[in-house]
Amino acid sequence: TGDFLHCPYPDEAFDAVCSECAFYISSDAQAALKEAVRLLKKHGRLLLADVSFASPENHIRWLEAAGLSVLSLEDITPQWKEYYISCIWDGTVDQLCGCFPKGKCSYYLTICERM
């Protein structure tokens, strides 16, 4: 078990951090991002696949404000919608996190580098 808001590793311990659909279930996406940046070595990469309630431009600004340079951003919202609908259809939607705020969301695959 662990707590990705308070990882037991020293600053700049990793060349890469990967997060798949975890920042928003942490209950504090800003703190999760701050912790990921803390763990990255200079020029380390953050590979982030997650829901976002921001436009692509605001999503990029959020990452840049944390000290990251966005190398790639792909909006895969159509695939996320298809997945979500299939979960409703097959009865597994209750296994998805119910902690997302209400509102229109997107799903981005983002690769960033710590500056």
Protein backbone atom coordinates (compact mmCIF):
# COMPACT_ATOMS: atom_id res chain seq x y z
CA THR A 1 0.00 0.00 0.00
CA GLY A 2 1.09 3.55 -0.44
CA ASP A 3 0.08 7.17 -0.61
CA PHE A 4 1.04 8.92 -3.81
CA LEU A 5 0.41 12.27 -2.15
CA HIS A 6 3.28 11.52 0.26
CA CYS A 7 5.70 9.07 -1.37
CA PRO A 8 8.53 7.76 0.80
CA TYR A 9 11.23 8.63 -1.74
CA PRO A 10 13.72 11.49 -1.79
CA ASP A 11 13.41 14.50 -4.09
CA GLU A 12 14.47 13.86 -7.69
CA ALA A 13 14.54 10.08 -7.22
CA PHE A 14 13.10 9.04 -10.59
CA ASP A 15 13.73 9.50 -14.31
CA ALA A 16 10.02 8.94 -14.99
CA VAL A 17 6.70 8.91 -13.16
CA CYS A 18 3.65 7.29 -14.73
CA SER A 19 0.09 7.98 -13.62
CA GLU A 20 -2.89 6.23 -15.17
CA CYS A 21 -6.26 7.60 -14.06
CA ALA A 22 -4.97 8.39 -10.56
CA PHE A 23 -4.63 12.14 -10.04
CA TYR A 24 -8.36 12.78 -9.80
CA ILE A 25 -9.08 9.81 -7.55
CA SER A 26 -6.44 11.11 -5.15
CA SER A 27 -8.94 13.76 -3.98
CA ASP A 28 -6.28 16.44 -4.59
CA ALA A 29 -5.01 16.53 -8.18
CA GLN A 30 -2.85 19.59 -7.44
CA ALA A 31 -1.05 17.82 -4.58
CA ALA A 32 -0.60 14.68 -6.71
CA LEU A 33 1.00 16.76 -9.45
CA LYS A 34 3.26 18.53 -6.96
CA GLU A 35 4.40 15.17 -5.55
CA ALA A 36 5.07 13.77 -9.03
CA VAL A 37 7.19 16.81 -9.91
CA ARG A 38 9.08 16.51 -6.60
CA LEU A 39 9.98 12.90 -7.42
CA LEU A 40 11.25 13.68 -10.93
CA LYS A 41 14.88 14.36 -11.71
CA LYS A 42 15.57 17.42 -13.84
CA HIS A 43 14.53 16.51 -17.41
CA GLY A 44 12.59 13.53 -16.00
CA ARG A 45 9.32 12.63 -17.69
CA LEU A 46 5.78 12.54 -16.37
CA LEU A 47 3.51 10.23 -18.34
CA LEU A 48 -0.02 11.25 -17.40
CA ALA A 49 -3.25 9.66 -18.61
CA ASP A 50 -6.20 11.13 -16.77
CA VAL A 51 -9.53 12.86 -16.77
CA SER A 52 -9.38 16.65 -16.90
CA PHE A 53 -12.06 19.26 -16.40
CA ALA A 54 -9.98 21.85 -18.24
CA SER A 55 -9.61 22.77 -21.88
CA PRO A 56 -6.40 21.49 -23.49
CA GLU A 57 -4.91 25.00 -23.16
CA ASN A 58 -5.75 25.22 -19.46
CA HIS A 59 -4.53 21.67 -18.88
CA ILE A 60 -1.18 22.67 -20.40
CA ARG A 61 -1.07 25.85 -18.29
CA TRP A 62 -1.72 23.80 -15.14
CA LEU A 63 1.20 21.49 -15.94
CA GLU A 64 3.52 24.35 -16.92
CA ALA A 65 2.72 26.22 -13.68
CA ALA A 66 3.98 23.14 -11.82
CA GLY A 67 7.36 23.33 -13.59
CA LEU A 68 6.72 20.96 -16.47
CA SER A 69 7.15 21.38 -20.19
CA VAL A 70 4.43 19.61 -22.18
CA LEU A 71 6.00 17.54 -24.94
CA SER A 72 2.83 15.85 -26.16
CA LEU A 73 -0.89 16.02 -25.44
CA GLU A 74 -3.45 13.78 -27.07
CA ASP A 75 -7.16 14.17 -26.40
CA ILE A 76 -8.70 10.68 -26.28
CA THR A 77 -12.08 11.78 -24.92
CA PRO A 78 -14.01 9.76 -27.57
CA GLN A 79 -12.32 6.54 -26.41
CA TRP A 80 -13.00 7.45 -22.75
CA LYS A 81 -16.70 7.96 -23.54
CA GLU A 82 -16.86 4.61 -25.32
CA TYR A 83 -15.20 2.89 -22.35
CA TYR A 84 -17.54 4.56 -19.85
CA ILE A 85 -20.62 3.60 -21.86
CA SER A 86 -19.40 -0.01 -22.11
CA CYS A 87 -19.05 -0.05 -18.30
CA ILE A 88 -22.65 1.11 -17.96
CA TRP A 89 -23.77 -1.48 -20.50
CA ASP A 90 -21.95 -4.43 -18.86
CA GLY A 91 -22.85 -3.41 -15.30
CA THR A 92 -19.34 -2.53 -14.07
CA VAL A 93 -19.76 1.26 -13.91
CA ASP A 94 -19.91 1.09 -10.10
CA GLN A 95 -16.28 -0.07 -10.16
CA LEU A 96 -15.22 3.26 -11.68
CA CYS A 97 -14.35 6.01 -9.26
CA GLY A 98 -17.41 7.96 -8.21
CA CYS A 99 -15.29 10.85 -6.96
CA PHE A 100 -15.18 12.86 -10.19
CA PRO A 101 -16.74 16.29 -9.93
CA LYS A 102 -19.84 16.89 -11.99
CA GLY A 103 -19.30 18.58 -15.31
CA LYS A 104 -17.92 18.11 -18.78
CA CYS A 105 -14.61 16.30 -18.75
CA SER A 106 -11.97 15.28 -21.24
CA TYR A 107 -9.37 12.54 -21.12
CA TYR A 108 -5.81 13.44 -22.08
CA LEU A 109 -2.65 11.44 -22.64
CA THR A 110 0.16 13.82 -21.75
CA ILE A 111 3.94 13.54 -21.78
CA CYS A 112 5.80 16.22 -19.84
CA GLU A 113 9.38 16.95 -18.91
CA ARG A 114 10.51 18.49 -15.65
CA MET A 115 12.27 21.77 -16.37
